[in-house]
Amino acid sequence: MNKIDQNKIIKTLLASKARILKFLQKIIIDNQFDYKTFGTAIEDFLLEEIINILREKKIIKNENDYSRAENKNKFPDLKIIKPALLALELKSGNHSRKKGNRWMI
């Protein structure tokens, strides 16, 4: 396991926090989510964005570099295989809402 590559992946995702939050806010506005299923429904969108970020940063180059869980009961949600083995597990909940044109906690 290459610790340097693991750190690069983690730092890339942490540096993408603002992008991810903006992306999630847009997804929430553009889609209808049920209160009961929000947590699982939003994760598919989030996984796609994380994969897009890692592709853009050339951390993952093709579909052989990662694998997605077959369903919500499998661990991890996203397994990075190359450049380093790393498990990403998504947990989500809606802690904010849009009031008018502003997001409120």
N, C-alpha and C. Protein backbone atom coordinates (compact mmCIF):
# COMPACT_ATOMS: atom_id res chain seq x y z
N MET A 1 0.83 -1.18 0.00
CA MET A 1 0.00 0.00 0.00
C MET A 1 0.88 1.24 0.00
N ASN A 2 0.58 2.15 -0.89
CA ASN A 2 1.39 3.35 -0.98
C ASN A 2 0.70 4.49 -0.23
N LYS A 3 1.25 4.82 0.94
CA LYS A 3 0.67 5.84 1.81
C LYS A 3 0.64 7.21 1.14
N ILE A 4 1.65 7.51 0.32
CA ILE A 4 1.69 8.79 -0.38
C ILE A 4 0.51 8.91 -1.33
N ASP A 5 0.21 7.86 -2.08
CA ASP A 5 -0.92 7.89 -3.00
C ASP A 5 -2.25 7.97 -2.24
N GLN A 6 -2.36 7.29 -1.11
CA GLN A 6 -3.57 7.38 -0.30
C GLN A 6 -3.77 8.82 0.17
N ASN A 7 -2.72 9.44 0.65
CA ASN A 7 -2.80 10.82 1.11
C ASN A 7 -3.19 11.77 -0.03
N LYS A 8 -2.68 11.52 -1.23
CA LYS A 8 -3.03 12.35 -2.39
C LYS A 8 -4.52 12.26 -2.69
N ILE A 9 -5.06 11.06 -2.63
CA ILE A 9 -6.49 10.87 -2.88
C ILE A 9 -7.31 11.63 -1.83
N ILE A 10 -6.96 11.45 -0.57
CA ILE A 10 -7.69 12.11 0.51
C ILE A 10 -7.57 13.63 0.41
N LYS A 11 -6.37 14.13 0.16
CA LYS A 11 -6.17 15.58 0.03
C LYS A 11 -6.95 16.14 -1.16
N THR A 12 -7.01 15.40 -2.25
CA THR A 12 -7.76 15.84 -3.43
C THR A 12 -9.24 15.98 -3.10
N LEU A 13 -9.78 15.01 -2.39
CA LEU A 13 -11.19 15.06 -2.04
C LEU A 13 -11.47 16.17 -1.03
N LEU A 14 -10.59 16.35 -0.06
CA LEU A 14 -10.76 17.44 0.89
C LEU A 14 -10.69 18.81 0.20
N ALA A 15 -9.80 18.93 -0.76
CA ALA A 15 -9.67 20.19 -1.50
C ALA A 15 -10.89 20.44 -2.40
N SER A 16 -11.66 19.42 -2.65
CA SER A 16 -12.83 19.52 -3.52
C SER A 16 -14.12 19.73 -2.73
N LYS A 17 -14.01 19.99 -1.44
CA LYS A 17 -15.19 20.11 -0.58
C LYS A 17 -16.17 21.17 -1.08
N ALA A 18 -15.70 22.34 -1.44
CA ALA A 18 -16.60 23.40 -1.92
C ALA A 18 -17.30 22.97 -3.20
N ARG A 19 -16.56 22.35 -4.10
CA ARG A 19 -17.15 21.86 -5.35
C ARG A 19 -18.24 20.82 -5.07
N ILE A 20 -17.95 19.90 -4.17
CA ILE A 20 -18.90 18.85 -3.84
C ILE A 20 -20.16 19.43 -3.20
N LEU A 21 -20.00 20.37 -2.28
CA LEU A 21 -21.16 20.99 -1.65
C LEU A 21 -22.03 21.74 -2.66
N LYS A 22 -21.38 22.47 -3.55
CA LYS A 22 -22.12 23.20 -4.59
C LYS A 22 -22.86 22.21 -5.50
N PHE A 23 -22.19 21.13 -5.87
CA PHE A 23 -22.78 20.09 -6.70
C PHE A 23 -24.02 19.49 -6.01
N LEU A 24 -23.88 19.16 -4.72
CA LEU A 24 -24.98 18.56 -3.99
C LEU A 24 -26.17 19.51 -3.87
N GLN A 25 -25.90 20.78 -3.65
CA GLN A 25 -26.99 21.75 -3.57
C GLN A 25 -27.75 21.82 -4.89
N LYS A 26 -27.03 21.79 -6.00
CA LYS A 26 -27.68 21.81 -7.32
C LYS A 26 -28.51 20.55 -7.53
N ILE A 27 -27.98 19.41 -7.15
CA ILE A 27 -28.71 18.15 -7.29
C ILE A 27 -30.00 18.18 -6.47
N ILE A 28 -29.93 18.72 -5.28
CA ILE A 28 -31.11 18.80 -4.42
C ILE A 28 -32.17 19.71 -5.04
N ILE A 29 -31.74 20.81 -5.64
CA ILE A 29 -32.67 21.73 -6.29
C ILE A 29 -33.30 21.09 -7.52
N ASP A 30 -32.49 20.40 -8.32
CA ASP A 30 -32.94 19.87 -9.61
C ASP A 30 -33.73 18.57 -9.52
N ASN A 31 -33.75 17.92 -8.37
CA ASN A 31 -34.41 16.62 -8.24
C ASN A 31 -35.40 16.62 -7.10
N GLN A 32 -36.31 15.70 -7.17
CA GLN A 32 -37.28 15.51 -6.10
C GLN A 32 -36.82 14.31 -5.27
N PHE A 33 -36.53 14.56 -4.01
CA PHE A 33 -36.10 13.48 -3.13
C PHE A 33 -37.16 13.26 -2.07
N ASP A 34 -37.39 12.02 -1.74
CA ASP A 34 -38.29 11.64 -0.68
C ASP A 34 -37.51 11.69 0.64
N TYR A 35 -38.13 12.19 1.67
CA TYR A 35 -37.49 12.30 2.98
C TYR A 35 -36.91 10.96 3.43
N LYS A 36 -37.65 9.89 3.21
CA LYS A 36 -37.24 8.57 3.68
C LYS A 36 -36.07 8.00 2.89
N THR A 37 -35.94 8.38 1.63
CA THR A 37 -34.89 7.78 0.79
C THR A 37 -33.77 8.74 0.43
N PHE A 38 -33.82 9.97 0.94
CA PHE A 38 -32.81 10.97 0.57
C PHE A 38 -31.38 10.45 0.75
N GLY A 39 -31.10 9.90 1.92
CA GLY A 39 -29.73 9.48 2.24
C GLY A 39 -29.14 8.49 1.26
N THR A 40 -29.93 7.56 0.78
CA THR A 40 -29.40 6.58 -0.17
C THR A 40 -29.46 7.11 -1.60
N ALA A 41 -30.49 7.87 -1.94
CA ALA A 41 -30.63 8.39 -3.31
C ALA A 41 -29.52 9.37 -3.66
N ILE A 42 -29.14 10.20 -2.73
CA ILE A 42 -28.14 11.23 -3.00
C ILE A 42 -26.74 10.62 -3.18
N GLU A 43 -26.52 9.46 -2.58
CA GLU A 43 -25.20 8.84 -2.65
C GLU A 43 -24.77 8.47 -4.06
N ASP A 44 -25.70 8.05 -4.91
CA ASP A 44 -25.34 7.72 -6.29
C ASP A 44 -24.82 8.95 -7.03
N PHE A 45 -25.47 10.09 -6.82
CA PHE A 45 -25.01 11.33 -7.43
C PHE A 45 -23.63 11.70 -6.90
N LEU A 46 -23.45 11.57 -5.60
CA LEU A 46 -22.18 11.93 -4.97
C LEU A 46 -21.04 11.02 -5.45
N LEU A 47 -21.31 9.73 -5.58
CA LEU A 47 -20.28 8.81 -6.09
C LEU A 47 -19.83 9.20 -7.49
N GLU A 48 -20.78 9.56 -8.34
CA GLU A 48 -20.42 9.98 -9.70
C GLU A 48 -19.53 11.21 -9.68
N GLU A 49 -19.84 12.17 -8.82
CA GLU A 49 -19.03 13.39 -8.75
C GLU A 49 -17.64 13.09 -8.20
N ILE A 50 -17.54 12.24 -7.22
CA ILE A 50 -16.22 11.86 -6.69
C ILE A 50 -15.39 11.18 -7.77
N ILE A 51 -15.99 10.28 -8.51
CA ILE A 51 -15.29 9.62 -9.61
C ILE A 51 -14.85 10.65 -10.65
N ASN A 52 -15.72 11.60 -10.98
CA ASN A 52 -15.36 12.66 -11.93
C ASN A 52 -14.17 13.46 -11.44
N ILE A 53 -14.15 13.82 -10.17
CA ILE A 53 -13.04 14.58 -9.60
C ILE A 53 -11.74 13.77 -9.71
N LEU A 54 -11.79 12.52 -9.31
CA LEU A 54 -10.58 11.69 -9.35
C LEU A 54 -10.09 11.45 -10.77
N ARG A 55 -11.00 11.39 -11.73
CA ARG A 55 -10.60 11.27 -13.15
C ARG A 55 -9.94 12.56 -13.63
N GLU A 56 -10.58 13.69 -13.33
CA GLU A 56 -10.04 14.99 -13.76
C GLU A 56 -8.64 15.22 -13.21
N LYS A 57 -8.40 14.79 -11.99
CA LYS A 57 -7.09 14.97 -11.35
C LYS A 57 -6.12 13.85 -11.74
N LYS A 58 -6.56 12.98 -12.64
CA LYS A 58 -5.74 11.88 -13.17
C LYS A 58 -5.29 10.91 -12.07
N ILE A 59 -6.08 10.82 -11.01
CA ILE A 59 -5.78 9.86 -9.95
C ILE A 59 -6.27 8.48 -10.37
N ILE A 60 -7.48 8.42 -10.92
CA ILE A 60 -7.94 7.19 -11.54
C ILE A 60 -8.00 7.44 -13.04
N LYS A 61 -7.58 6.45 -13.79
CA LYS A 61 -7.47 6.64 -15.24
C LYS A 61 -8.52 5.86 -16.02
N ASN A 62 -8.99 4.76 -15.45
CA ASN A 62 -10.00 3.95 -16.13
C ASN A 62 -10.81 3.17 -15.11
N GLU A 63 -11.78 2.43 -15.58
CA GLU A 63 -12.68 1.71 -14.69
C GLU A 63 -12.01 0.55 -13.95
N ASN A 64 -10.82 0.16 -14.37
CA ASN A 64 -10.08 -0.88 -13.65
C ASN A 64 -9.41 -0.33 -12.39
N ASP A 65 -9.36 0.99 -12.25
CA ASP A 65 -8.71 1.62 -11.10
C ASP A 65 -9.62 1.72 -9.89
N TYR A 66 -10.90 1.41 -10.04
CA TYR A 66 -11.84 1.51 -8.93
C TYR A 66 -12.99 0.54 -9.13
N SER A 67 -13.75 0.32 -8.07
CA SER A 67 -14.99 -0.45 -8.19
C SER A 67 -16.03 0.14 -7.25
N ARG A 68 -17.28 0.10 -7.72
CA ARG A 68 -18.40 0.59 -6.92
C ARG A 68 -19.11 -0.61 -6.31
N ALA A 69 -19.69 -0.38 -5.15
CA ALA A 69 -20.45 -1.45 -4.50
C ALA A 69 -21.65 -1.84 -5.37
N GLU A 70 -21.96 -3.10 -5.36
CA GLU A 70 -23.10 -3.60 -6.14
C GLU A 70 -24.42 -3.09 -5.59
N ASN A 71 -24.47 -2.88 -4.27
CA ASN A 71 -25.69 -2.37 -3.64
C ASN A 71 -25.32 -1.65 -2.35
N LYS A 72 -26.31 -1.09 -1.69
CA LYS A 72 -26.08 -0.28 -0.48
C LYS A 72 -25.64 -1.10 0.72
N ASN A 73 -25.74 -2.43 0.65
CA ASN A 73 -25.35 -3.27 1.76
C ASN A 73 -23.90 -3.73 1.68
N LYS A 74 -23.23 -3.42 0.59
CA LYS A 74 -21.82 -3.82 0.40
C LYS A 74 -20.89 -2.73 0.90
N PHE A 75 -19.75 -3.14 1.40
CA PHE A 75 -18.69 -2.21 1.83
C PHE A 75 -17.48 -2.45 0.95
N PRO A 76 -16.82 -1.42 0.52
CA PRO A 76 -17.14 0.01 0.63
C PRO A 76 -18.00 0.47 -0.54
N ASP A 77 -18.52 1.69 -0.43
CA ASP A 77 -19.29 2.25 -1.54
C ASP A 77 -18.41 2.44 -2.77
N LEU A 78 -17.18 2.88 -2.55
CA LEU A 78 -16.22 3.05 -3.64
C LEU A 78 -14.87 2.53 -3.17
N LYS A 79 -14.30 1.63 -3.94
CA LYS A 79 -12.99 1.06 -3.62
C LYS A 79 -12.01 1.54 -4.68
N ILE A 80 -11.04 2.33 -4.25
CA ILE A 80 -9.97 2.77 -5.15
C ILE A 80 -8.93 1.65 -5.14
N ILE A 81 -8.60 1.16 -6.31
CA ILE A 81 -7.64 0.07 -6.42
C ILE A 81 -6.26 0.60 -6.80
N LYS A 82 -6.23 1.50 -7.77
CA LYS A 82 -4.99 2.15 -8.20
C LYS A 82 -5.20 3.64 -8.16
N PRO A 83 -4.27 4.42 -7.76
CA PRO A 83 -2.87 4.15 -7.49
C PRO A 83 -2.59 3.54 -6.12
N ALA A 84 -3.60 3.52 -5.24
CA ALA A 84 -3.43 2.92 -3.92
C ALA A 84 -4.76 2.35 -3.47
N LEU A 85 -4.71 1.34 -2.66
CA LEU A 85 -5.93 0.74 -2.14
C LEU A 85 -6.52 1.64 -1.06
N LEU A 86 -7.77 2.04 -1.28
CA LEU A 86 -8.44 2.94 -0.34
C LEU A 86 -9.94 2.71 -0.43
N ALA A 87 -10.59 2.60 0.70
CA ALA A 87 -12.04 2.40 0.75
C ALA A 87 -12.72 3.72 1.09
N LEU A 88 -13.75 4.06 0.31
CA LEU A 88 -14.55 5.26 0.59
C LEU A 88 -15.98 4.81 0.89
N GLU A 89 -16.48 5.19 2.03
CA GLU A 89 -17.84 4.85 2.44
C GLU A 89 -18.60 6.16 2.62
N LEU A 90 -19.72 6.29 1.93
CA LEU A 90 -20.50 7.51 1.99
C LEU A 90 -21.62 7.39 3.01
N LYS A 91 -21.78 8.44 3.77
CA LYS A 91 -22.90 8.57 4.71
C LYS A 91 -23.49 9.94 4.47
N SER A 92 -24.80 10.00 4.38
CA SER A 92 -25.40 11.28 4.06
C SER A 92 -26.64 11.54 4.88
N GLY A 93 -26.90 12.81 5.04
CA GLY A 93 -28.10 13.28 5.71
C GLY A 93 -28.29 14.73 5.34
N ASN A 94 -29.50 15.19 5.32
CA ASN A 94 -29.77 16.57 4.93
C ASN A 94 -29.85 17.43 6.19
N HIS A 95 -28.84 18.27 6.39
CA HIS A 95 -28.78 19.14 7.56
C HIS A 95 -29.04 20.60 7.20
N SER A 96 -29.44 20.85 5.97
CA SER A 96 -29.73 22.21 5.56
C SER A 96 -30.94 22.20 4.63
N ARG A 97 -31.50 23.36 4.44
CA ARG A 97 -32.64 23.48 3.53
C ARG A 97 -32.56 24.83 2.86
N LYS A 98 -33.21 24.93 1.75
CA LYS A 98 -33.23 26.18 1.02
C LYS A 98 -34.43 26.99 1.46
N LYS A 99 -34.18 28.19 1.93
CA LYS A 99 -35.23 29.10 2.37
C LYS A 99 -35.13 30.34 1.49
N GLY A 100 -36.06 30.46 0.54
CA GLY A 100 -35.93 31.53 -0.44
C GLY A 100 -34.77 31.21 -1.36
N ASN A 101 -33.81 32.11 -1.45
CA ASN A 101 -32.61 31.89 -2.26
C ASN A 101 -31.39 31.52 -1.45
N ARG A 102 -31.56 31.28 -0.16
CA ARG A 102 -30.41 31.00 0.71
C ARG A 102 -30.52 29.62 1.33
N TRP A 103 -29.36 29.00 1.54
CA TRP A 103 -29.29 27.73 2.23
C TRP A 103 -29.14 28.00 3.72
N MET A 104 -29.97 27.34 4.52
CA MET A 104 -29.96 27.53 5.96
C MET A 104 -29.65 26.19 6.63
N ILE A 105 -28.92 26.24 7.73
CA ILE A 105 -28.62 25.02 8.49
C ILE A 105 -29.82 24.70 9.36
